[in-house]
Amino acid sequence: MRPDAKVEKLYLYPNPVDVQKSIDGMAALVELDIKIPVFDPVLFVFLNKPRNRLKTLYWERNGLCVWLKRLESERFKTSPDLTDEAIVLTFQELNWMLYDFDLCRNRPHQVLTPRFVA
């Protein structure tokens, strides 16, 4: 599921996050740490410490939405100069990350064809 066209801005949360956090836990991170109202037309992107899971949080009409992508053997790549402040992403950059594109090396991740769930 992807957000509708009402999302105006995307933010990458600057620190690794436990992606097992609930919707309320992630909303609290947004409002307390980066001080952006979670109900604004904004999509928030979180990465775990090993950077193999990406989780998003956004408000859609009548409720908060969360979705997760897990990479099996690669890592999500972002700019090496992460700061303590949220990083504004473009929709294109988020799509590159989701479609397995390495933002640092300008190449896609390796394509896998798994045969079973480990």
PDB file of N, CA and C in Angstrom:
ATOM      1  N   MET A   1       0.845  -1.178   0.000  1.00  0.00           N
ATOM      2  CA  MET A   1       0.000   0.000   0.000  1.00  0.00           C
ATOM      3  C   MET A   1       0.887   1.238   0.000  1.00  0.00           C
ATOM      4  N   ARG A   2       0.572   2.186  -0.823  1.00  0.00           N
ATOM      5  CA  ARG A   2       1.309   3.435  -0.895  1.00  0.00           C
ATOM      6  C   ARG A   2       0.374   4.584  -0.525  1.00  0.00           C
ATOM      7  N   PRO A   3       0.938   5.674   0.015  1.00  0.00           N
ATOM      8  CA  PRO A   3       0.093   6.812   0.372  1.00  0.00           C
ATOM      9  C   PRO A   3      -0.481   7.488  -0.862  1.00  0.00           C
ATOM     10  N   ASP A   4      -1.622   8.151  -0.661  1.00  0.00           N
ATOM     11  CA  ASP A   4      -2.216   8.862  -1.793  1.00  0.00           C
ATOM     12  C   ASP A   4      -1.451  10.162  -2.055  1.00  0.00           C
ATOM     13  N   ALA A   5      -1.920  10.929  -3.012  1.00  0.00           N
ATOM     14  CA  ALA A   5      -1.201  12.123  -3.461  1.00  0.00           C
ATOM     15  C   ALA A   5      -1.207  13.250  -2.439  1.00  0.00           C
ATOM     16  N   LYS A   6      -1.910  13.101  -1.328  1.00  0.00           N
ATOM     17  CA  LYS A   6      -1.977  14.162  -0.340  1.00  0.00           C
ATOM     18  C   LYS A   6      -0.704  14.277   0.513  1.00  0.00           C
ATOM     19  N   VAL A   7       0.193  13.330   0.423  1.00  0.00           N
ATOM     20  CA  VAL A   7       1.463  13.418   1.148  1.00  0.00           C
ATOM     21  C   VAL A   7       2.305  14.497   0.481  1.00  0.00           C
ATOM     22  N   GLU A   8       2.716  15.491   1.284  1.00  0.00           N
ATOM     23  CA  GLU A   8       3.451  16.622   0.731  1.00  0.00           C
ATOM     24  C   GLU A   8       4.952  16.558   0.963  1.00  0.00           C
ATOM     25  N   LYS A   9       5.376  15.850   2.029  1.00  0.00           N
ATOM     26  CA  LYS A   9       6.790  15.797   2.359  1.00  0.00           C
ATOM     27  C   LYS A   9       7.140  14.431   2.915  1.00  0.00           C
ATOM     28  N   LEU A  10       8.385  14.022   2.724  1.00  0.00           N
ATOM     29  CA  LEU A  10       8.886  12.762   3.271  1.00  0.00           C
ATOM     30  C   LEU A  10      10.103  13.067   4.137  1.00  0.00           C
ATOM     31  N   TYR A  11      10.140  12.420   5.298  1.00  0.00           N
ATOM     32  CA  TYR A  11      11.268  12.594   6.207  1.00  0.00           C
ATOM     33  C   TYR A  11      11.878  11.246   6.531  1.00  0.00           C
ATOM     34  N   LEU A  12      13.202  11.171   6.485  1.00  0.00           N
ATOM     35  CA  LEU A  12      13.932  10.000   6.943  1.00  0.00           C
ATOM     36  C   LEU A  12      14.364  10.281   8.371  1.00  0.00           C
ATOM     37  N   TYR A  13      13.899   9.436   9.301  1.00  0.00           N
ATOM     38  CA  TYR A  13      14.277   9.578  10.705  1.00  0.00           C
ATOM     39  C   TYR A  13      15.779   9.337  10.817  1.00  0.00           C
ATOM     40  N   PRO A  14      16.532  10.194  11.537  1.00  0.00           N
ATOM     41  CA  PRO A  14      17.994  10.152  11.472  1.00  0.00           C
ATOM     42  C   PRO A  14      18.675   9.019  12.230  1.00  0.00           C
ATOM     43  N   ASN A  15      17.988   8.393  13.187  1.00  0.00           N
ATOM     44  CA  ASN A  15      18.614   7.360  14.018  1.00  0.00           C
ATOM     45  C   ASN A  15      18.009   5.991  13.749  1.00  0.00           C
ATOM     46  N   PRO A  16      18.767   4.920  13.981  1.00  0.00           N
ATOM     47  CA  PRO A  16      18.183   3.578  13.845  1.00  0.00           C
ATOM     48  C   PRO A  16      17.027   3.395  14.830  1.00  0.00           C
ATOM     49  N   VAL A  17      16.002   2.664  14.377  1.00  0.00           N
ATOM     50  CA  VAL A  17      14.790   2.465  15.174  1.00  0.00           C
ATOM     51  C   VAL A  17      14.487   0.980  15.265  1.00  0.00           C
ATOM     52  N   ASP A  18      13.994   0.549  16.416  1.00  0.00           N
ATOM     53  CA  ASP A  18      13.489  -0.807  16.565  1.00  0.00           C
ATOM     54  C   ASP A  18      12.186  -0.874  15.775  1.00  0.00           C
ATOM     55  N   VAL A  19      12.187  -1.552  14.633  1.00  0.00           N
ATOM     56  CA  VAL A  19      11.009  -1.565  13.776  1.00  0.00           C
ATOM     57  C   VAL A  19       9.868  -2.405  14.344  1.00  0.00           C
ATOM     58  N   GLN A  20      10.071  -2.998  15.515  1.00  0.00           N
ATOM     59  CA  GLN A  20       8.972  -3.695  16.184  1.00  0.00           C
ATOM     60  C   GLN A  20       8.102  -2.728  16.975  1.00  0.00           C
ATOM     61  N   LYS A  21       8.492  -1.456  17.004  1.00  0.00           N
ATOM     62  CA  LYS A  21       7.683  -0.458  17.704  1.00  0.00           C
ATOM     63  C   LYS A  21       6.286  -0.411  17.103  1.00  0.00           C
ATOM     64  N   SER A  22       5.323  -0.108  17.955  1.00  0.00           N
ATOM     65  CA  SER A  22       3.936   0.019  17.510  1.00  0.00           C
ATOM     66  C   SER A  22       3.740   1.353  16.780  1.00  0.00           C
ATOM     67  N   ILE A  23       2.570   1.517  16.211  1.00  0.00           N
ATOM     68  CA  ILE A  23       2.223   2.783  15.557  1.00  0.00           C
ATOM     69  C   ILE A  23       2.364   3.927  16.550  1.00  0.00           C
ATOM     70  N   ASP A  24       1.853   3.738  17.769  1.00  0.00           N
ATOM     71  CA  ASP A  24       1.922   4.802  18.769  1.00  0.00           C
ATOM     72  C   ASP A  24       3.364   5.115  19.154  1.00  0.00           C
ATOM     73  N   GLY A  25       4.217   4.099  19.259  1.00  0.00           N
ATOM     74  CA  GLY A  25       5.616   4.320  19.581  1.00  0.00           C
ATOM     75  C   GLY A  25       6.332   5.101  18.503  1.00  0.00           C
ATOM     76  N   MET A  26       6.031   4.792  17.254  1.00  0.00           N
ATOM     77  CA  MET A  26       6.673   5.510  16.151  1.00  0.00           C
ATOM     78  C   MET A  26       6.142   6.940  16.053  1.00  0.00           C
ATOM     79  N   ALA A  27       4.833   7.105  16.299  1.00  0.00           N
ATOM     80  CA  ALA A  27       4.253   8.453  16.289  1.00  0.00           C
ATOM     81  C   ALA A  27       4.882   9.304  17.388  1.00  0.00           C
ATOM     82  N   ALA A  28       5.140   8.697  18.556  1.00  0.00           N
ATOM     83  CA  ALA A  28       5.780   9.430  19.650  1.00  0.00           C
ATOM     84  C   ALA A  28       7.196   9.854  19.264  1.00  0.00           C
ATOM     85  N   LEU A  29       7.950   8.985  18.576  1.00  0.00           N
ATOM     86  CA  LEU A  29       9.293   9.359  18.108  1.00  0.00           C
ATOM     87  C   LEU A  29       9.231  10.593  17.215  1.00  0.00           C
ATOM     88  N   VAL A  30       8.268  10.598  16.313  1.00  0.00           N
ATOM     89  CA  VAL A  30       8.125  11.709  15.375  1.00  0.00           C
ATOM     90  C   VAL A  30       7.828  13.000  16.124  1.00  0.00           C
ATOM     91  N   GLU A  31       6.830  12.960  16.999  1.00  0.00           N
ATOM     92  CA  GLU A  31       6.401  14.197  17.645  1.00  0.00           C
ATOM     93  C   GLU A  31       7.386  14.675  18.711  1.00  0.00           C
ATOM     94  N   LEU A  32       8.040  13.754  19.430  1.00  0.00           N
ATOM     95  CA  LEU A  32       8.950  14.165  20.499  1.00  0.00           C
ATOM     96  C   LEU A  32      10.352  14.470  19.988  1.00  0.00           C
ATOM     97  N   ASP A  33      10.868  13.664  19.061  1.00  0.00           N
ATOM     98  CA  ASP A  33      12.246  13.835  18.601  1.00  0.00           C
ATOM     99  C   ASP A  33      12.397  14.851  17.477  1.00  0.00           C
ATOM    100  N   ILE A  34      11.577  14.737  16.455  1.00  0.00           N
ATOM    101  CA  ILE A  34      11.765  15.652  15.319  1.00  0.00           C
ATOM    102  C   ILE A  34      10.695  16.738  15.267  1.00  0.00           C
ATOM    103  N   LYS A  35       9.782  16.708  16.221  1.00  0.00           N
ATOM    104  CA  LYS A  35       8.809  17.779  16.444  1.00  0.00           C
ATOM    105  C   LYS A  35       8.016  18.166  15.197  1.00  0.00           C
ATOM    106  N   ILE A  36       7.513  17.148  14.521  1.00  0.00           N
ATOM    107  CA  ILE A  36       6.644  17.365  13.373  1.00  0.00           C
ATOM    108  C   ILE A  36       5.324  16.674  13.686  1.00  0.00           C
ATOM    109  N   PRO A  37       4.193  17.369  13.552  1.00  0.00           N
ATOM    110  CA  PRO A  37       2.906  16.725  13.846  1.00  0.00           C
ATOM    111  C   PRO A  37       2.685  15.509  12.946  1.00  0.00           C
ATOM    112  N   VAL A  38       2.389  14.388  13.562  1.00  0.00           N
ATOM    113  CA  VAL A  38       2.234  13.130  12.827  1.00  0.00           C
ATOM    114  C   VAL A  38       1.002  13.141  11.926  1.00  0.00           C
ATOM    115  N   PHE A  39       0.063  14.058  12.177  1.00  0.00           N
ATOM    116  CA  PHE A  39      -1.164  14.112  11.380  1.00  0.00           C
ATOM    117  C   PHE A  39      -1.061  15.071  10.198  1.00  0.00           C
ATOM    118  N   ASP A  40       0.094  15.690  10.007  1.00  0.00           N
ATOM    119  CA  ASP A  40       0.318  16.513   8.818  1.00  0.00           C
ATOM    120  C   ASP A  40       0.393  15.595   7.596  1.00  0.00           C
ATOM    121  N   PRO A  41       0.267  16.145   6.384  1.00  0.00           N
ATOM    122  CA  PRO A  41       0.364  15.314   5.171  1.00  0.00           C
ATOM    123  C   PRO A  41       1.820  14.945   4.868  1.00  0.00           C
ATOM    124  N   VAL A  42       2.401  14.127   5.763  1.00  0.00           N
ATOM    125  CA  VAL A  42       3.822  13.806   5.718  1.00  0.00           C
ATOM    126  C   VAL A  42       4.000  12.308   5.874  1.00  0.00           C
ATOM    127  N   LEU A  43       5.002  11.746   5.215  1.00  0.00           N
ATOM    128  CA  LEU A  43       5.354  10.342   5.367  1.00  0.00           C
ATOM    129  C   LEU A  43       6.710  10.278   6.065  1.00  0.00           C
ATOM    130  N   PHE A  44       6.799   9.441   7.100  1.00  0.00           N
ATOM    131  CA  PHE A  44       8.019   9.294   7.867  1.00  0.00           C
ATOM    132  C   PHE A  44       8.638   7.934   7.552  1.00  0.00           C
ATOM    133  N   VAL A  45       9.943   7.922   7.290  1.00  0.00           N
ATOM    134  CA  VAL A  45      10.671   6.707   6.938  1.00  0.00           C
ATOM    135  C   VAL A  45      11.645   6.393   8.073  1.00  0.00           C
ATOM    136  N   PHE A  46      11.638   5.130   8.521  1.00  0.00           N
ATOM    137  CA  PHE A  46      12.511   4.676   9.594  1.00  0.00           C
ATOM    138  C   PHE A  46      13.334   3.492   9.091  1.00  0.00           C
ATOM    139  N   LEU A  47      14.588   3.406   9.534  1.00  0.00           N
ATOM    140  CA  LEU A  47      15.443   2.262   9.221  1.00  0.00           C
ATOM    141  C   LEU A  47      15.905   1.635  10.531  1.00  0.00           C
ATOM    142  N   ASN A  48      16.046   0.311  10.536  1.00  0.00           N
ATOM    143  CA  ASN A  48      16.605  -0.343  11.720  1.00  0.00           C
ATOM    144  C   ASN A  48      18.134  -0.225  11.684  1.00  0.00           C
ATOM    145  N   LYS A  49      18.793  -0.663  12.759  1.00  0.00           N
ATOM    146  CA  LYS A  49      20.247  -0.496  12.865  1.00  0.00           C
ATOM    147  C   LYS A  49      21.007  -1.224  11.758  1.00  0.00           C
ATOM    148  N   PRO A  50      20.664  -2.502  11.438  1.00  0.00           N
ATOM    149  CA  PRO A  50      21.388  -3.154  10.329  1.00  0.00           C
ATOM    150  C   PRO A  50      20.953  -2.659   8.947  1.00  0.00           C
ATOM    151  N   ARG A  51      19.958  -1.791   8.895  1.00  0.00           N
ATOM    152  CA  ARG A  51      19.445  -1.206   7.646  1.00  0.00           C
ATOM    153  C   ARG A  51      18.912  -2.238   6.647  1.00  0.00           C
ATOM    154  N   ASN A  52      18.355  -3.310   7.165  1.00  0.00           N
ATOM    155  CA  ASN A  52      17.719  -4.269   6.255  1.00  0.00           C
ATOM    156  C   ASN A  52      16.196  -4.196   6.336  1.00  0.00           C
ATOM    157  N   ARG A  53      15.678  -3.311   7.184  1.00  0.00           N
ATOM    158  CA  ARG A  53      14.237  -3.096   7.285  1.00  0.00           C
ATOM    159  C   ARG A  53      13.932  -1.600   7.212  1.00  0.00           C
ATOM    160  N   LEU A  54      12.943  -1.281   6.405  1.00  0.00           N
ATOM    161  CA  LEU A  54      12.477   0.086   6.247  1.00  0.00           C
ATOM    162  C   LEU A  54      11.010   0.102   6.626  1.00  0.00           C
ATOM    163  N   LYS A  55      10.614   1.032   7.477  1.00  0.00           N
ATOM    164  CA  LYS A  55       9.229   1.122   7.913  1.00  0.00           C
ATOM    165  C   LYS A  55       8.758   2.554   7.691  1.00  0.00           C
ATOM    166  N   THR A  56       7.528   2.705   7.234  1.00  0.00           N
ATOM    167  CA  THR A  56       6.973   4.042   7.027  1.00  0.00           C
ATOM    168  C   THR A  56       5.752   4.233   7.915  1.00  0.00           C
ATOM    169  N   LEU A  57       5.478   5.485   8.210  1.00  0.00           N
ATOM    170  CA  LEU A  57       4.321   5.884   9.015  1.00  0.00           C
ATOM    171  C   LEU A  57       3.728   7.116   8.362  1.00  0.00           C
ATOM    172  N   TYR A  58       2.423   7.126   8.178  1.00  0.00           N
ATOM    173  CA  TYR A  58       1.759   8.310   7.632  1.00  0.00           C
ATOM    174  C   TYR A  58       0.285   8.279   7.990  1.00  0.00           C
ATOM    175  N   TRP A  59      -0.330   9.456   7.986  1.00  0.00           N
ATOM    176  CA  TRP A  59      -1.755   9.610   8.244  1.00  0.00           C
ATOM    177  C   TRP A  59      -2.492   9.570   6.923  1.00  0.00           C
ATOM    178  N   GLU A  60      -3.539   8.748   6.860  1.00  0.00           N
ATOM    179  CA  GLU A  60      -4.355   8.679   5.642  1.00  0.00           C
ATOM    180  C   GLU A  60      -5.816   8.779   6.031  1.00  0.00           C
ATOM    181  N   ARG A  61      -6.424   9.887   5.738  1.00  0.00           N
ATOM    182  CA  ARG A  61      -7.846  10.182   5.951  1.00  0.00           C
ATOM    183  C   ARG A  61      -8.341   9.987   7.376  1.00  0.00           C
ATOM    184  N   ASN A  62      -8.356   8.754   7.877  1.00  0.00           N
ATOM    185  CA  ASN A  62      -8.983   8.510   9.175  1.00  0.00           C
ATOM    186  C   ASN A  62      -8.153   7.606  10.087  1.00  0.00           C
ATOM    187  N   GLY A  63      -6.866   7.448   9.788  1.00  0.00           N
ATOM    188  CA  GLY A  63      -6.037   6.614  10.640  1.00  0.00           C
ATOM    189  C   GLY A  63      -4.581   6.603  10.200  1.00  0.00           C
ATOM    190  N   LEU A  64      -3.726   6.207  11.138  1.00  0.00           N
ATOM    191  CA  LEU A  64      -2.297   6.077  10.833  1.00  0.00           C
ATOM    192  C   LEU A  64      -2.037   4.773  10.091  1.00  0.00           C
ATOM    193  N   CYS A  65      -1.172   4.819   9.115  1.00  0.00           N
ATOM    194  CA  CYS A  65      -0.803   3.640   8.326  1.00  0.00           C
ATOM    195  C   CYS A  65       0.682   3.351   8.520  1.00  0.00           C
ATOM    196  N   VAL A  66       0.993   2.077   8.569  1.00  0.00           N
ATOM    197  CA  VAL A  66       2.380   1.630   8.696  1.00  0.00           C
ATOM    198  C   VAL A  66       2.605   0.528   7.685  1.00  0.00           C
ATOM    199  N   TRP A  67       3.754   0.534   7.017  1.00  0.00           N
ATOM    200  CA  TRP A  67       4.159  -0.620   6.217  1.00  0.00           C
ATOM    201  C   TRP A  67       5.654  -0.801   6.308  1.00  0.00           C
ATOM    202  N   LEU A  68       6.069  -2.025   6.009  1.00  0.00           N
ATOM    203  CA  LEU A  68       7.450  -2.439   6.235  1.00  0.00           C
ATOM    204  C   LEU A  68       7.979  -3.165   5.017  1.00  0.00           C
ATOM    205  N   LYS A  69       9.249  -2.930   4.710  1.00  0.00           N
ATOM    206  CA  LYS A  69       9.932  -3.727   3.690  1.00  0.00           C
ATOM    207  C   LYS A  69      11.192  -4.295   4.324  1.00  0.00           C
ATOM    208  N   ARG A  70      11.416  -5.606   4.130  1.00  0.00           N
ATOM    209  CA  ARG A  70      12.596  -6.283   4.653  1.00  0.00           C
ATOM    210  C   ARG A  70      13.425  -6.780   3.482  1.00  0.00           C
ATOM    211  N   LEU A  71      14.695  -6.401   3.467  1.00  0.00           N
ATOM    212  CA  LEU A  71      15.621  -6.925   2.466  1.00  0.00           C
ATOM    213  C   LEU A  71      16.234  -8.203   3.014  1.00  0.00           C
ATOM    214  N   GLU A  72      16.374  -9.206   2.168  1.00  0.00           N
ATOM    215  CA  GLU A  72      16.873 -10.502   2.621  1.00  0.00           C
ATOM    216  C   GLU A  72      18.386 -10.555   2.767  1.00  0.00           C
ATOM    217  N   SER A  73      19.125  -9.912   1.868  1.00  0.00           N
ATOM    218  CA  SER A  73      20.581 -10.008   2.000  1.00  0.00           C
ATOM    219  C   SER A  73      21.304  -8.676   1.768  1.00  0.00           C
ATOM    220  N   GLU A  74      20.627  -7.665   1.338  1.00  0.00           N
ATOM    221  CA  GLU A  74      21.241  -6.359   1.096  1.00  0.00           C
ATOM    222  C   GLU A  74      20.890  -5.407   2.235  1.00  0.00           C
ATOM    223  N   ARG A  75      21.342  -4.180   2.138  1.00  0.00           N
ATOM    224  CA  ARG A  75      21.058  -3.139   3.118  1.00  0.00           C
ATOM    225  C   ARG A  75      20.560  -1.903   2.386  1.00  0.00           C
ATOM    226  N   PHE A  76      19.639  -1.172   3.015  1.00  0.00           N
ATOM    227  CA  PHE A  76      19.214   0.102   2.456  1.00  0.00           C
ATOM    228  C   PHE A  76      20.370   1.077   2.587  1.00  0.00           C
ATOM    229  N   LYS A  77      20.665   1.754   1.502  1.00  0.00           N
ATOM    230  CA  LYS A  77      21.777   2.696   1.486  1.00  0.00           C
ATOM    231  C   LYS A  77      21.225   4.115   1.453  1.00  0.00           C
ATOM    232  N   THR A  78      21.792   4.962   2.290  1.00  0.00           N
ATOM    233  CA  THR A  78      21.435   6.373   2.302  1.00  0.00           C
ATOM    234  C   THR A  78      22.717   7.167   2.318  1.00  0.00           C
ATOM    235  N   SER A  79      22.576   8.447   2.307  1.00  0.00           N
ATOM    236  CA  SER A  79      23.735   9.322   2.348  1.00  0.00           C
ATOM    237  C   SER A  79      24.559   9.026   3.597  1.00  0.00           C
ATOM    238  N   PRO A  80      25.869   8.960   3.473  1.00  0.00           N
ATOM    239  CA  PRO A  80      26.706   8.636   4.630  1.00  0.00           C
ATOM    240  C   PRO A  80      26.737   9.723   5.691  1.00  0.00           C
ATOM    241  N   ASP A  81      26.305  10.937   5.375  1.00  0.00           N
ATOM    242  CA  ASP A  81      26.378  12.034   6.330  1.00  0.00           C
ATOM    243  C   ASP A  81      25.048  12.255   7.054  1.00  0.00           C
ATOM    244  N   LEU A  82      24.564  11.220   7.762  1.00  0.00           N
ATOM    245  CA  LEU A  82      23.342  11.360   8.542  1.00  0.00           C
ATOM    246  C   LEU A  82      23.608  12.262   9.734  1.00  0.00           C
ATOM    247  N   THR A  83      22.621  13.083  10.078  1.00  0.00           N
ATOM    248  CA  THR A  83      22.749  14.019  11.188  1.00  0.00           C
ATOM    249  C   THR A  83      21.744  13.653  12.271  1.00  0.00           C
ATOM    250  N   ASP A  84      21.616  14.519  13.257  1.00  0.00           N
ATOM    251  CA  ASP A  84      20.623  14.295  14.310  1.00  0.00           C
ATOM    252  C   ASP A  84      19.251  14.821  13.925  1.00  0.00           C
ATOM    253  N   GLU A  85      19.152  15.443  12.778  1.00  0.00           N
ATOM    254  CA  GLU A  85      17.880  15.992  12.320  1.00  0.00           C
ATOM    255  C   GLU A  85      17.307  15.104  11.219  1.00  0.00           C
ATOM    256  N   ALA A  86      15.983  15.129  11.109  1.00  0.00           N
ATOM    257  CA  ALA A  86      15.327  14.359  10.055  1.00  0.00           C
ATOM    258  C   ALA A  86      15.785  14.875   8.689  1.00  0.00           C
ATOM    259  N   ILE A  87      15.929  13.962   7.763  1.00  0.00           N
ATOM    260  CA  ILE A  87      16.388  14.288   6.416  1.00  0.00           C
ATOM    261  C   ILE A  87      15.193  14.295   5.487  1.00  0.00           C
ATOM    262  N   VAL A  88      15.045  15.360   4.733  1.00  0.00           N
ATOM    263  CA  VAL A  88      13.948  15.443   3.773  1.00  0.00           C
ATOM    264  C   VAL A  88      14.333  14.628   2.545  1.00  0.00           C
ATOM    265  N   LEU A  89      13.443  13.713   2.161  1.00  0.00           N
ATOM    266  CA  LEU A  89      13.637  12.889   0.962  1.00  0.00           C
ATOM    267  C   LEU A  89      12.690  13.351  -0.127  1.00  0.00           C
ATOM    268  N   THR A  90      13.049  13.080  -1.351  1.00  0.00           N
ATOM    269  CA  THR A  90      12.104  13.267  -2.449  1.00  0.00           C
ATOM    270  C   THR A  90      11.354  11.955  -2.653  1.00  0.00           C
ATOM    271  N   PHE A  91      10.240  12.014  -3.339  1.00  0.00           N
ATOM    272  CA  PHE A  91       9.508  10.791  -3.663  1.00  0.00           C
ATOM    273  C   PHE A  91      10.382   9.866  -4.507  1.00  0.00           C
ATOM    274  N   GLN A  92      11.187  10.450  -5.379  1.00  0.00           N
ATOM    275  CA  GLN A  92      12.064   9.644  -6.230  1.00  0.00           C
ATOM    276  C   GLN A  92      13.090   8.896  -5.388  1.00  0.00           C
ATOM    277  N   GLU A  93      13.678   9.564  -4.394  1.00  0.00           N
ATOM    278  CA  GLU A  93      14.663   8.901  -3.540  1.00  0.00           C
ATOM    279  C   GLU A  93      14.042   7.760  -2.742  1.00  0.00           C
ATOM    280  N   LEU A  94      12.831   7.971  -2.232  1.00  0.00           N
ATOM    281  CA  LEU A  94      12.156   6.890  -1.513  1.00  0.00           C
ATOM    282  C   LEU A  94      11.877   5.726  -2.449  1.00  0.00           C
ATOM    283  N   ASN A  95      11.406   6.002  -3.638  1.00  0.00           N
ATOM    284  CA  ASN A  95      11.151   4.928  -4.604  1.00  0.00           C
ATOM    285  C   ASN A  95      12.433   4.196  -4.969  1.00  0.00           C
ATOM    286  N   TRP A  96      13.522   4.915  -5.100  1.00  0.00           N
ATOM    287  CA  TRP A  96      14.807   4.256  -5.370  1.00  0.00           C
ATOM    288  C   TRP A  96      15.155   3.305  -4.240  1.00  0.00           C
ATOM    289  N   MET A  97      14.959   3.752  -2.994  1.00  0.00           N
ATOM    290  CA  MET A  97      15.247   2.883  -1.844  1.00  0.00           C
ATOM    291  C   MET A  97      14.332   1.654  -1.855  1.00  0.00           C
ATOM    292  N   LEU A  98      13.049   1.861  -2.111  1.00  0.00           N
ATOM    293  CA  LEU A  98      12.088   0.755  -2.088  1.00  0.00           C
ATOM    294  C   LEU A  98      12.305  -0.229  -3.222  1.00  0.00           C
ATOM    295  N   TYR A  99      12.738   0.274  -4.367  1.00  0.00           N
ATOM    296  CA  TYR A  99      12.981  -0.603  -5.506  1.00  0.00           C
ATOM    297  C   TYR A  99      14.429  -1.056  -5.552  1.00  0.00           C
ATOM    298  N   ASP A 100      15.031  -1.110  -4.363  1.00  0.00           N
ATOM    299  CA  ASP A 100      16.342  -1.721  -4.184  1.00  0.00           C
ATOM    300  C   ASP A 100      17.470  -1.000  -4.905  1.00  0.00           C
ATOM    301  N   PHE A 101      17.401   0.294  -4.971  1.00  0.00           N
ATOM    302  CA  PHE A 101      18.467   1.051  -5.605  1.00  0.00           C
ATOM    303  C   PHE A 101      19.404   1.591  -4.538  1.00  0.00           C
ATOM    304  N   ASP A 102      20.677   1.382  -4.710  1.00  0.00           N
ATOM    305  CA  ASP A 102      21.693   1.846  -3.782  1.00  0.00           C
ATOM    306  C   ASP A 102      21.962   3.324  -4.054  1.00  0.00           C
ATOM    307  N   LEU A 103      21.496   4.205  -3.165  1.00  0.00           N
ATOM    308  CA  LEU A 103      21.639   5.644  -3.387  1.00  0.00           C
ATOM    309  C   LEU A 103      23.092   6.101  -3.353  1.00  0.00           C
ATOM    310  N   CYS A 104      23.943   5.381  -2.637  1.00  0.00           N
ATOM    311  CA  CYS A 104      25.352   5.779  -2.526  1.00  0.00           C
ATOM    312  C   CYS A 104      26.167   5.394  -3.756  1.00  0.00           C
ATOM    313  N   ARG A 105      25.880   4.235  -4.319  1.00  0.00           N
ATOM    314  CA  ARG A 105      26.699   3.738  -5.443  1.00  0.00           C
ATOM    315  C   ARG A 105      25.992   3.824  -6.790  1.00  0.00           C
ATOM    316  N   ASN A 106      24.786   4.342  -6.808  1.00  0.00           N
ATOM    317  CA  ASN A 106      24.019   4.482  -8.042  1.00  0.00           C
ATOM    318  C   ASN A 106      23.874   3.172  -8.802  1.00  0.00           C
ATOM    319  N   ARG A 107      23.557   2.100  -8.065  1.00  0.00           N
ATOM    320  CA  ARG A 107      23.306   0.818  -8.729  1.00  0.00           C
ATOM    321  C   ARG A 107      22.240   0.067  -7.947  1.00  0.00           C
ATOM    322  N   PRO A 108      21.500  -0.801  -8.607  1.00  0.00           N
ATOM    323  CA  PRO A 108      20.473  -1.567  -7.897  1.00  0.00           C
ATOM    324  C   PRO A 108      21.080  -2.675  -7.046  1.00  0.00           C
ATOM    325  N   HIS A 109      20.296  -3.125  -6.055  1.00  0.00           N
ATOM    326  CA  HIS A 109      20.704  -4.274  -5.255  1.00  0.00           C
ATOM    327  C   HIS A 109      20.657  -5.542  -6.108  1.00  0.00           C
ATOM    328  N   GLN A 110      21.304  -6.569  -5.631  1.00  0.00           N
ATOM    329  CA  GLN A 110      21.294  -7.871  -6.296  1.00  0.00           C
ATOM    330  C   GLN A 110      19.866  -8.444  -6.272  1.00  0.00           C
ATOM    331  N   VAL A 111      19.438  -9.031  -7.361  1.00  0.00           N
ATOM    332  CA  VAL A 111      18.123  -9.665  -7.442  1.00  0.00           C
ATOM    333  C   VAL A 111      18.223 -11.079  -6.890  1.00  0.00           C
ATOM    334  N   LEU A 112      17.314 -11.428  -5.972  1.00  0.00           N
ATOM    335  CA  LEU A 112      17.294 -12.760  -5.370  1.00  0.00           C
ATOM    336  C   LEU A 112      16.043 -13.504  -5.793  1.00  0.00           C
ATOM    337  N   THR A 113      16.148 -14.807  -5.919  1.00  0.00           N
ATOM    338  CA  THR A 113      14.987 -15.666  -6.168  1.00  0.00           C
ATOM    339  C   THR A 113      14.967 -16.769  -5.111  1.00  0.00           C
ATOM    340  N   PRO A 114      14.467 -16.444  -3.903  1.00  0.00           N
ATOM    341  CA  PRO A 114      14.463 -17.423  -2.832  1.00  0.00           C
ATOM    342  C   PRO A 114      13.519 -18.585  -3.134  1.00  0.00           C
ATOM    343  N   ARG A 115      13.837 -19.734  -2.586  1.00  0.00           N
ATOM    344  CA  ARG A 115      13.043 -20.931  -2.803  1.00  0.00           C
ATOM    345  C   ARG A 115      12.163 -21.254  -1.601  1.00  0.00           C
ATOM    346  N   PHE A 116      12.535 -20.746  -0.414  1.00  0.00           N
ATOM    347  CA  PHE A 116      11.729 -20.991   0.785  1.00  0.00           C
ATOM    348  C   PHE A 116      12.057 -19.917   1.813  1.00  0.00           C
ATOM    349  N   VAL A 117      11.178 -19.786   2.818  1.00  0.00           N
ATOM    350  CA  VAL A 117      11.376 -18.826   3.899  1.00  0.00           C
ATOM    351  C   VAL A 117      12.303 -19.423   4.917  1.00  0.00           C
ATOM    352  N   ALA A 118      13.324 -18.680   5.307  1.00  0.00           N
ATOM    353  CA  ALA A 118      14.295 -19.198   6.283  1.00  0.00           C
ATOM    354  C   ALA A 118      13.779 -19.017   7.696  1.00  0.00           C
TER     355      ALA A 118
END
